[in-house]
Amino acid sequence: MKISVLKSKLALGFQRAAAIEADAHFAAQIKGYAEDVGVPSLEVFHDAEPLFRQDQTHYDLIILDWNAKGPNSGITAFNRLRHDPRFAAVPILVISGFVDRNDFRLLEEFALTRLVEKPFTSGVFIEAVQSLQHELDWVHAHEKPLRKLLLGPESTTMPRVKKMHKLLQSAPYPAPLLLMFGRYLSREKRWSEARDFLQDVVREDRGNVLALNELGKVLHASGLHREAISVLKEADTLSPDNLKRICHLGELHLHQCELGDAKQKFERVLTLDDSWERAQRGYDLTVNALEYLQQKSENGSVSQSFASLMNTIGISKVHSGRLEEGIEHYESALHFIREPEIRAKVMFNMGLGYLRHRVEEKALLWFMRSARTGGAQFSKANAYVTELTQRTMWTDDGLRVMSDNSGVHETQVHDSKGLAAPARKPESTISPSAPISLFNGDSSEPGILELEDFDTDALLSGIAEEGFC
């Protein structure tokens, strides 16, 4: 009866948990502890890979063995979990053998994360899980005051940033609020306010890696790349295992055309997790740039901007007949170019590349993306869209651009020499079974936060940071 009463008091909100634990005996022990906490369902995975392969799933709690063997080490699995939209805001309980706190500084960078040392008793496990539940409850309980703070008019007596500092100082779990507030300001492109807030936090607590991370992102988005590199390097020294930050540093070096440093950062990410797509794309761009400069006998020196260099390399590949390589290079470059006008120019050149090689359906799609992304600032694609659309029809075989002798006038490739209009092929088709991914231009503007826009999980996990690594 005593145990039953204990269980009723400890029944928490976690209904479905996942444990990544290769030791069957210890997994069974964890399962028993989870039942004591009131978790009705716990799935055990010997390795993290099956968990990541699931298309749609939801867990309230993840238990991760830091000493897991195989390709997904504790560091790799934790980074992937925290940067996967499905798991980024899920509470994680990390379990490990001998604990040297310096080895677990990465965990301190994320909300809803706890560490317990093996071997541990049921009481230690219950205490850790209770702590995660209390933090989760506290975060959701503070959605309303945080929303009110963000929605309310700016006070002349106490600016919003100062009010946020006051709320943080009184919070038992300040990290989640810091993350949500900083990321909300970034999402709304209120860069100055975000910088003021995060710089104040860093001045008060120089070792606050969370604040350094967010400040680095804001400085990057503000175009202050040198300052961003300095701040993120400081965070990397304090906590060297955050793959997202390492990748972000690689991106910053790439933007500065510091190709050696960029390559080293992307390699560092891929050494720990070769499935990190953004790091792979950054690495490929860096290698392409180094090879191109070597062919030009420029010894790694770069006189062009990042976007111009990437565009020049893509044009070179397309002109030499390597269309697939050129398009793949352009698509990778689009992951790292934020400015809508420059993105539109890259998309325009992708359209010209396809048109040069007589793949007119794909050319049309990229011209349409360029026209939409560039708007009034870059409208060269509009003529191509008009001309190709007039000759387009859907058939049983998919989208077809019909043959026509007329064509738009020859147009100059952005940042390159003129590209002659290609000879027309009688007709060409493309099957709808091979869709082309749609790259959206980042044209959002700061606006008033609607109640339904306040997504705690998205702000907490950083999913709203589209465009950041």
Protein backbone atom coordinates (compact mmCIF):
# COMPACT_ATOMS: atom_id res chain seq x y z
CA MET A 1 0.00 0.00 0.00
CA LYS A 2 2.85 2.35 0.82
CA ILE A 3 4.42 1.78 -2.59
CA SER A 4 1.06 2.36 -4.30
CA VAL A 5 0.66 5.69 -2.54
CA LEU A 6 4.20 6.63 -3.49
CA LYS A 7 3.50 5.88 -7.13
CA SER A 8 0.32 7.92 -7.12
CA LYS A 9 2.23 10.89 -5.77
CA LEU A 10 4.98 10.49 -8.38
CA ALA A 11 2.73 10.04 -11.38
CA LEU A 12 4.12 12.65 -13.77
CA GLY A 13 3.17 13.81 -17.24
CA PHE A 14 5.58 11.52 -19.08
CA GLN A 15 3.52 8.87 -20.87
CA ARG A 16 5.94 7.53 -23.43
CA ALA A 17 9.70 7.32 -22.97
CA ALA A 18 12.61 6.03 -25.05
CA ALA A 19 15.83 4.65 -23.59
CA ILE A 20 19.02 4.35 -25.63
CA GLU A 21 20.84 1.66 -23.66
CA ALA A 22 22.77 -1.38 -25.00
CA ASP A 23 23.04 -3.20 -21.67
CA ALA A 24 19.91 -5.39 -21.41
CA HIS A 25 20.21 -5.76 -17.63
CA PHE A 26 20.53 -2.03 -17.05
CA ALA A 27 17.74 -1.34 -19.55
CA ALA A 28 15.44 -3.59 -17.53
CA GLN A 29 16.43 -1.71 -14.37
CA ILE A 30 15.63 1.62 -16.02
CA LYS A 31 12.28 0.26 -17.16
CA GLY A 32 11.42 -0.66 -13.59
CA TYR A 33 12.44 2.78 -12.34
CA ALA A 34 10.33 4.39 -15.08
CA GLU A 35 7.30 2.40 -13.96
CA ASP A 36 7.89 3.70 -10.42
CA VAL A 37 7.67 7.24 -11.80
CA GLY A 38 4.42 6.42 -13.57
CA VAL A 39 5.69 6.12 -17.16
CA PRO A 40 3.40 3.48 -18.74
CA SER A 41 5.45 2.96 -21.89
CA LEU A 42 9.23 2.79 -22.33
CA GLU A 43 10.86 1.62 -25.56
CA VAL A 44 14.48 0.48 -25.42
CA PHE A 45 16.87 1.07 -28.33
CA HIS A 46 20.33 -0.50 -28.35
CA ASP A 47 21.52 2.28 -30.64
CA ALA A 48 20.16 5.72 -31.50
CA GLU A 49 19.89 5.06 -35.23
CA PRO A 50 16.50 3.24 -35.16
CA LEU A 51 15.10 6.15 -33.15
CA PHE A 52 16.21 8.67 -35.77
CA ARG A 53 14.87 6.54 -38.63
CA GLN A 54 11.30 6.72 -37.36
CA ASP A 55 9.20 8.98 -39.59
CA GLN A 56 6.70 10.24 -37.04
CA THR A 57 6.97 9.64 -33.36
CA HIS A 58 6.60 11.43 -30.08
CA TYR A 59 8.26 10.79 -26.76
CA ASP A 60 7.77 12.71 -23.54
CA LEU A 61 11.17 11.66 -22.17
CA ILE A 62 14.44 10.30 -23.58
CA ILE A 63 17.01 8.44 -21.47
CA LEU A 64 20.45 8.37 -23.09
CA ASP A 65 23.46 6.28 -22.11
CA TRP A 66 26.43 8.60 -22.66
CA ASN A 67 28.77 5.62 -23.08
CA ALA A 68 26.76 4.09 -25.94
CA LYS A 69 28.92 2.16 -28.43
CA GLY A 70 28.78 2.21 -32.21
CA PRO A 71 28.63 5.16 -34.64
CA ASN A 72 26.34 7.16 -32.36
CA SER A 73 28.40 7.99 -29.31
CA GLY A 74 26.84 9.92 -26.45
CA ILE A 75 28.09 13.23 -27.86
CA THR A 76 26.87 12.39 -31.37
CA ALA A 77 23.45 11.12 -30.26
CA PHE A 78 22.86 14.06 -27.91
CA ASN A 79 23.73 16.61 -30.60
CA ARG A 80 21.46 14.90 -33.11
CA LEU A 81 18.59 14.74 -30.63
CA ARG A 82 18.90 18.37 -29.64
CA HIS A 83 18.98 19.52 -33.27
CA ASP A 84 16.23 17.26 -34.59
CA PRO A 85 12.82 19.04 -34.61
CA ARG A 86 11.14 15.87 -33.30
CA PHE A 87 13.28 15.68 -30.16
CA ALA A 88 14.79 19.15 -29.70
CA ALA A 89 12.43 20.18 -26.89
CA VAL A 90 11.97 16.73 -25.31
CA PRO A 91 13.42 16.33 -21.78
CA ILE A 92 16.60 14.23 -21.84
CA LEU A 93 18.08 12.33 -18.91
CA VAL A 94 21.72 11.46 -19.59
CA ILE A 95 23.21 8.54 -17.64
CA SER A 96 26.92 7.85 -17.44
CA GLY A 97 29.61 6.05 -15.53
CA PHE A 98 32.39 8.07 -13.91
CA VAL A 99 31.40 11.70 -14.25
CA ASP A 100 33.95 14.43 -14.82
CA ARG A 101 31.84 17.56 -14.99
CA ASN A 102 34.20 19.08 -17.56
CA ASP A 103 33.18 16.31 -19.96
CA PHE A 104 29.51 17.29 -19.74
CA ARG A 105 29.64 21.04 -20.28
CA LEU A 106 27.64 20.48 -23.47
CA LEU A 107 24.60 19.42 -21.42
CA GLU A 108 24.57 22.75 -19.60
CA GLU A 109 23.91 24.54 -22.90
CA PHE A 110 20.42 23.10 -23.24
CA ALA A 111 17.24 23.38 -21.26
CA LEU A 112 15.37 20.27 -20.06
CA THR A 113 18.53 18.20 -19.61
CA ARG A 114 19.80 16.32 -16.54
CA LEU A 115 22.76 14.07 -15.79
CA VAL A 116 22.93 11.16 -13.33
CA GLU A 117 25.94 8.97 -12.57
CA LYS A 118 25.90 5.16 -12.68
CA PRO A 119 25.18 3.22 -10.61
CA PHE A 120 22.16 5.06 -9.27
CA THR A 121 19.24 4.10 -7.10
CA SER A 122 15.55 4.40 -7.85
CA GLY A 123 15.45 7.49 -5.63
CA VAL A 124 18.17 9.26 -7.67
CA PHE A 125 16.38 8.41 -10.92
CA ILE A 126 13.03 9.61 -9.59
CA GLU A 127 14.56 12.86 -8.34
CA ALA A 128 16.11 13.57 -11.75
CA VAL A 129 12.90 12.83 -13.64
CA GLN A 130 10.88 14.92 -11.20
CA SER A 131 13.29 17.79 -11.76
CA LEU A 132 12.79 17.55 -15.52
CA GLN A 133 9.02 17.51 -15.07
CA HIS A 134 9.14 20.54 -12.77
CA GLU A 135 11.24 22.48 -15.28
CA LEU A 136 8.90 21.53 -18.12
CA ASP A 137 5.86 22.60 -16.08
CA TRP A 138 7.58 25.86 -15.15
CA VAL A 139 8.40 26.64 -18.79
CA HIS A 140 4.81 26.17 -19.91
CA ALA A 141 3.50 28.06 -16.89
CA HIS A 142 5.60 31.07 -17.93
CA GLU A 143 4.41 31.13 -21.51
CA LYS A 144 1.67 33.58 -20.54
CA PRO A 145 3.83 36.18 -18.70
CA LEU A 146 6.50 35.93 -21.39
CA ARG A 147 3.90 36.39 -24.14
CA LYS A 148 2.46 39.36 -22.22
CA LEU A 149 5.92 40.87 -21.93
CA LEU A 150 6.55 40.49 -25.64
CA LEU A 151 3.12 41.67 -26.75
CA GLY A 152 2.83 44.57 -24.36
CA PRO A 153 3.76 48.15 -25.28
CA GLU A 154 7.28 49.29 -24.55
CA SER A 155 7.39 51.02 -21.17
CA THR A 156 9.22 54.31 -20.83
CA THR A 157 10.11 53.56 -17.21
CA MET A 158 11.50 50.06 -17.75
CA PRO A 159 12.47 48.82 -21.24
CA ARG A 160 11.42 45.33 -22.28
CA VAL A 161 15.00 44.04 -22.02
CA LYS A 162 15.25 45.20 -18.41
CA LYS A 163 11.93 43.56 -17.59
CA MET A 164 13.25 40.34 -19.07
CA HIS A 165 16.38 40.55 -16.91
CA LYS A 166 14.19 40.95 -13.84
CA LEU A 167 12.13 37.91 -14.82
CA LEU A 168 15.30 35.87 -15.37
CA GLN A 169 16.73 36.81 -11.98
CA SER A 170 13.61 35.55 -10.22
CA ALA A 171 13.40 32.32 -12.25
CA PRO A 172 14.43 28.95 -10.81
CA TYR A 173 15.09 27.80 -14.41
CA PRO A 174 16.36 30.89 -16.27
CA ALA A 175 17.90 29.06 -19.25
CA PRO A 176 14.62 28.31 -21.08
CA LEU A 177 13.39 31.90 -20.79
CA LEU A 178 16.72 33.24 -21.97
CA LEU A 179 16.58 30.98 -25.01
CA MET A 180 12.98 31.78 -25.86
CA PHE A 181 13.34 35.54 -25.43
CA GLY A 182 16.60 35.77 -27.40
CA ARG A 183 15.26 33.57 -30.19
CA TYR A 184 11.97 35.44 -30.36
CA LEU A 185 13.80 38.73 -30.83
CA SER A 186 15.92 37.10 -33.54
CA ARG A 187 12.87 35.66 -35.28
CA GLU A 188 11.31 39.12 -35.35
CA LYS A 189 14.61 40.58 -36.63
CA ARG A 190 14.86 42.96 -33.69
CA TRP A 191 18.63 42.71 -33.83
CA SER A 192 19.49 45.77 -31.76
CA GLU A 193 17.21 44.75 -28.91
CA ALA A 194 18.50 41.18 -29.07
CA ARG A 195 22.13 42.36 -28.94
CA ASP A 196 21.46 44.62 -25.96
CA PHE A 197 19.75 41.84 -24.05
CA LEU A 198 22.33 39.14 -24.74
CA GLN A 199 25.32 41.43 -24.20
CA ASP A 200 23.89 42.37 -20.79
CA VAL A 201 23.56 38.68 -19.91
CA VAL A 202 27.15 37.98 -21.02
CA ARG A 203 28.49 40.95 -19.03
CA GLU A 204 26.79 39.65 -15.90
CA ASP A 205 27.85 36.04 -16.51
CA ARG A 206 30.84 35.75 -18.84
CA GLY A 207 30.70 31.96 -18.74
CA ASN A 208 27.08 31.76 -19.87
CA VAL A 209 27.52 29.63 -23.00
CA LEU A 210 23.80 29.82 -23.82
CA ALA A 211 23.96 33.60 -24.05
CA LEU A 212 27.22 33.48 -26.03
CA ASN A 213 25.64 31.10 -28.54
CA GLU A 214 22.62 33.32 -29.11
CA LEU A 215 24.73 36.50 -29.21
CA GLY A 216 26.96 34.95 -31.87
CA LYS A 217 23.92 34.13 -34.01
CA VAL A 218 22.51 37.65 -33.64
CA LEU A 219 25.85 39.24 -34.55
CA HIS A 220 26.06 36.99 -37.60
CA ALA A 221 22.53 37.89 -38.72
CA SER A 222 23.38 41.57 -38.19
CA GLY A 223 26.32 41.24 -40.58
CA LEU A 224 28.92 41.57 -37.79
CA HIS A 225 30.74 38.40 -38.79
CA ARG A 226 34.09 39.14 -37.11
CA GLU A 227 32.41 39.87 -33.79
CA ALA A 228 30.29 36.72 -34.19
CA ILE A 229 33.38 34.57 -34.75
CA SER A 230 35.04 36.00 -31.63
CA VAL A 231 31.99 35.33 -29.43
CA LEU A 232 31.40 31.80 -30.74
CA LYS A 233 35.08 30.91 -30.38
CA GLU A 234 34.83 31.91 -26.73
CA ALA A 235 31.80 29.65 -26.32
CA ASP A 236 33.63 26.85 -28.14
CA THR A 237 36.53 27.12 -25.70
CA LEU A 238 34.17 26.82 -22.74
CA SER A 239 32.20 23.93 -24.25
CA PRO A 240 33.83 22.29 -27.29
CA ASP A 241 31.28 19.59 -28.23
CA ASN A 242 28.29 21.53 -29.61
CA LEU A 243 28.22 20.44 -33.25
CA LYS A 244 25.73 23.14 -34.23
CA ARG A 245 28.05 25.87 -32.95
CA ILE A 246 31.10 24.32 -34.65
CA CYS A 247 29.15 24.21 -37.91
CA HIS A 248 28.08 27.82 -37.39
CA LEU A 249 31.72 28.83 -36.95
CA GLY A 250 32.51 27.03 -40.20
CA GLU A 251 29.74 28.98 -41.90
CA LEU A 252 31.08 32.28 -40.58
CA HIS A 253 34.60 31.49 -41.81
CA LEU A 254 33.10 30.51 -45.17
CA HIS A 255 31.28 33.85 -45.39
CA GLN A 256 34.59 35.58 -44.70
CA CYS A 257 36.23 33.38 -47.38
CA GLU A 258 38.62 32.02 -44.73
CA LEU A 259 38.55 28.67 -46.46
CA GLY A 260 41.17 26.82 -44.39
CA ASP A 261 39.40 27.64 -41.12
CA ALA A 262 36.01 26.80 -42.62
CA LYS A 263 37.21 23.42 -43.89
CA GLN A 264 38.68 22.57 -40.48
CA LYS A 265 35.41 23.38 -38.68
CA PHE A 266 33.23 21.39 -41.08
CA GLU A 267 35.63 18.44 -40.89
CA ARG A 268 35.44 18.57 -37.11
CA VAL A 269 31.65 18.24 -37.24
CA LEU A 270 31.71 15.42 -39.78
CA THR A 271 34.30 13.49 -37.75
CA LEU A 272 31.82 13.33 -34.87
CA ASP A 273 28.69 12.90 -37.03
CA ASP A 274 28.99 12.30 -40.77
CA SER A 275 25.20 12.62 -41.16
CA TRP A 276 25.28 16.38 -40.51
CA GLU A 277 24.00 17.60 -43.90
CA ARG A 278 24.71 21.30 -43.44
CA ALA A 279 28.32 20.60 -42.44
CA GLN A 280 28.69 18.33 -45.49
CA ARG A 281 27.36 21.05 -47.79
CA GLY A 282 29.67 23.62 -46.21
CA TYR A 283 32.61 21.24 -46.57
CA ASP A 284 31.78 20.60 -50.24
CA LEU A 285 31.55 24.33 -50.96
CA THR A 286 34.89 24.90 -49.25
CA VAL A 287 36.58 22.12 -51.24
CA ASN A 288 35.06 23.47 -54.48
CA ALA A 289 36.40 26.93 -53.67
CA LEU A 290 39.89 25.69 -52.81
CA GLU A 291 40.06 23.60 -56.00
CA TYR A 292 38.83 26.51 -58.11
CA LEU A 293 41.38 28.91 -56.64
CA GLN A 294 44.14 26.35 -57.10
CA GLN A 295 43.22 25.99 -60.79
CA LYS A 296 43.38 29.77 -61.10
CA SER A 297 46.79 29.73 -59.34
CA GLU A 298 45.49 32.17 -56.75
CA ASN A 299 47.06 30.25 -53.82
CA GLY A 300 43.90 30.38 -51.71
CA SER A 301 43.62 34.17 -51.81
CA VAL A 302 40.11 35.47 -52.38
CA SER A 303 39.36 38.86 -53.86
CA GLN A 304 35.61 38.20 -54.30
CA SER A 305 32.81 38.14 -51.78
CA PHE A 306 31.52 34.75 -50.63
CA ALA A 307 28.36 34.92 -52.76
CA SER A 308 30.25 36.11 -55.83
CA LEU A 309 32.85 33.34 -55.44
CA MET A 310 30.16 30.68 -55.08
CA ASN A 311 28.37 32.02 -58.14
CA THR A 312 31.54 32.11 -60.21
CA ILE A 313 32.31 28.49 -59.33
CA GLY A 314 28.80 27.39 -60.28
CA ILE A 315 28.98 29.23 -63.60
CA SER A 316 32.37 27.63 -64.31
CA LYS A 317 30.99 24.14 -63.73
CA VAL A 318 27.91 24.71 -65.89
CA HIS A 319 29.93 26.26 -68.73
CA SER A 320 32.32 23.32 -68.76
CA GLY A 321 29.43 20.90 -69.23
CA ARG A 322 29.24 19.64 -65.63
CA LEU A 323 25.60 20.61 -65.12
CA GLU A 324 24.86 18.24 -62.24
CA GLU A 325 27.95 19.37 -60.33
CA GLY A 326 27.08 22.99 -60.97
CA ILE A 327 23.47 22.61 -59.81
CA GLU A 328 24.54 20.69 -56.71
CA HIS A 329 27.04 23.45 -55.93
CA TYR A 330 24.37 26.14 -56.37
CA GLU A 331 21.92 24.25 -54.14
CA SER A 332 24.56 23.97 -51.41
CA ALA A 333 25.37 27.67 -51.73
CA LEU A 334 21.71 28.56 -51.24
CA HIS A 335 21.88 27.00 -47.75
CA PHE A 336 24.37 29.70 -46.74
CA ILE A 337 23.12 32.78 -48.59
CA ARG A 338 20.55 34.78 -46.62
CA GLU A 339 19.97 37.92 -48.70
CA PRO A 340 16.85 37.52 -50.93
CA GLU A 341 18.32 39.46 -53.87
CA ILE A 342 21.50 37.38 -53.95
CA ARG A 343 19.51 34.17 -53.54
CA ALA A 344 17.36 35.25 -56.48
CA LYS A 345 20.45 35.79 -58.64
CA VAL A 346 21.78 32.34 -57.78
CA MET A 347 18.39 30.79 -58.62
CA PHE A 348 18.38 32.75 -61.90
CA ASN A 349 21.74 31.29 -62.85
CA MET A 350 20.47 27.81 -61.99
CA GLY A 351 17.62 28.41 -64.41
CA LEU A 352 20.07 29.55 -67.09
CA GLY A 353 22.18 26.46 -66.45
CA TYR A 354 19.24 24.16 -67.04
CA LEU A 355 18.19 26.22 -70.07
CA ARG A 356 21.70 25.98 -71.52
CA HIS A 357 21.48 22.19 -71.25
CA ARG A 358 17.91 22.16 -72.64
CA VAL A 359 16.23 20.94 -69.44
CA GLU A 360 13.50 23.53 -69.84
CA GLU A 361 11.02 22.30 -67.22
CA LYS A 362 13.57 22.59 -64.43
CA ALA A 363 14.74 25.89 -65.86
CA LEU A 364 11.20 27.22 -65.60
CA LEU A 365 10.88 26.15 -61.97
CA TRP A 366 14.10 27.91 -60.98
CA PHE A 367 13.19 31.05 -62.90
CA MET A 368 9.86 31.07 -61.02
CA ARG A 369 11.69 30.76 -57.69
CA SER A 370 14.06 33.54 -58.69
CA ALA A 371 11.18 35.84 -59.67
CA ARG A 372 9.34 35.19 -56.42
CA THR A 373 12.42 35.56 -54.21
CA GLY A 374 13.89 38.62 -55.97
CA GLY A 375 10.66 40.60 -56.24
CA ALA A 376 11.21 44.16 -57.42
CA GLN A 377 14.90 44.07 -56.46
CA PHE A 378 15.78 41.42 -59.04
CA SER A 379 13.30 40.80 -61.86
CA LYS A 380 15.42 39.36 -64.69
CA ALA A 381 13.70 35.99 -64.41
CA ASN A 382 10.23 37.40 -65.18
CA ALA A 383 10.77 37.42 -68.95
CA TYR A 384 11.88 33.80 -68.89
CA VAL A 385 8.92 32.78 -66.75
CA THR A 386 6.51 34.47 -69.16
CA GLU A 387 8.04 32.96 -72.28
CA LEU A 388 8.41 29.41 -70.93
CA THR A 389 5.01 29.39 -69.23
CA GLN A 390 3.31 30.18 -72.53
CA ARG A 391 4.71 26.94 -73.91
CA THR A 392 4.00 24.74 -70.88
CA MET A 393 1.28 22.15 -70.46
CA TRP A 394 0.59 19.15 -68.25
CA THR A 395 0.45 15.75 -69.92
CA ASP A 396 0.09 12.20 -68.71
CA ASP A 397 3.88 12.07 -68.65
CA GLY A 398 4.23 15.15 -66.47
CA LEU A 399 5.11 18.80 -67.09
CA ARG A 400 6.11 19.52 -70.69
CA VAL A 401 7.55 22.61 -72.32
CA MET A 402 6.58 22.47 -75.97
CA SER A 403 9.03 23.29 -78.72
CA ASP A 404 8.99 26.87 -79.98
CA ASN A 405 11.38 28.82 -82.15
CA SER A 406 10.79 32.08 -80.34
CA GLY A 407 12.70 32.80 -77.18
CA VAL A 408 13.57 35.44 -74.70
CA HIS A 409 16.46 37.66 -75.52
CA GLU A 410 19.91 36.65 -74.46
CA THR A 411 20.52 37.64 -70.87
CA GLN A 412 23.73 38.13 -68.95
CA VAL A 413 24.64 35.72 -66.19
CA HIS A 414 24.97 37.47 -62.85
CA ASP A 415 28.61 38.22 -62.03
CA SER A 416 29.83 36.59 -65.21
CA LYS A 417 30.05 36.97 -68.96
CA GLY A 418 27.03 36.64 -71.21
CA LEU A 419 25.57 33.20 -71.74
CA ALA A 420 24.27 32.51 -75.24
CA ALA A 421 20.70 31.27 -75.55
CA PRO A 422 20.77 27.50 -76.24
CA ALA A 423 19.54 25.82 -79.37
CA ARG A 424 16.05 24.41 -78.93
CA LYS A 425 15.41 20.73 -78.67
CA PRO A 426 12.09 19.60 -80.29
CA GLU A 427 10.52 18.92 -76.91
CA SER A 428 11.46 17.67 -73.48
CA THR A 429 9.63 16.17 -70.54
CA ILE A 430 10.16 15.72 -66.84
CA SER A 431 8.39 13.18 -64.68
CA PRO A 432 6.51 14.48 -61.62
CA SER A 433 8.01 11.56 -59.69
CA ALA A 434 11.25 13.53 -59.42
CA PRO A 435 10.24 16.69 -57.51
CA ILE A 436 12.64 19.57 -57.01
CA SER A 437 12.97 20.96 -53.52
CA LEU A 438 11.64 24.48 -53.14
CA PHE A 439 13.96 27.05 -51.59
CA ASN A 440 12.06 29.84 -49.94
CA GLY A 441 13.48 33.33 -49.79
CA ASP A 442 13.77 34.79 -46.32
CA SER A 443 11.49 37.77 -46.87
CA SER A 444 9.68 37.81 -43.56
CA GLU A 445 9.37 41.12 -41.79
CA PRO A 446 9.19 41.91 -38.09
CA GLY A 447 5.61 41.94 -36.96
CA ILE A 448 3.25 41.73 -34.04
CA LEU A 449 3.35 38.39 -32.25
CA GLU A 450 0.02 36.63 -32.52
CA LEU A 451 -0.95 34.32 -29.68
CA GLU A 452 -0.99 31.24 -31.90
CA ASP A 453 2.52 32.15 -33.16
CA PHE A 454 4.01 31.63 -29.73
CA ASP A 455 5.36 28.09 -30.13
CA THR A 456 7.24 27.25 -26.94
CA ASP A 457 8.85 24.11 -28.33
CA ALA A 458 10.02 25.86 -31.49
CA LEU A 459 11.53 28.80 -29.60
CA LEU A 460 13.05 26.53 -26.98
CA SER A 461 14.65 24.19 -29.49
CA GLY A 462 15.81 26.79 -31.99
CA ILE A 463 13.66 25.43 -34.83
CA ALA A 464 12.65 29.04 -35.48
CA GLU A 465 16.28 29.87 -36.35
CA GLU A 466 15.86 29.03 -40.03
CA GLY A 467 18.94 30.24 -41.85
CA PHE A 468 21.26 29.56 -38.94
CA CYS A 469 23.32 26.42 -38.89
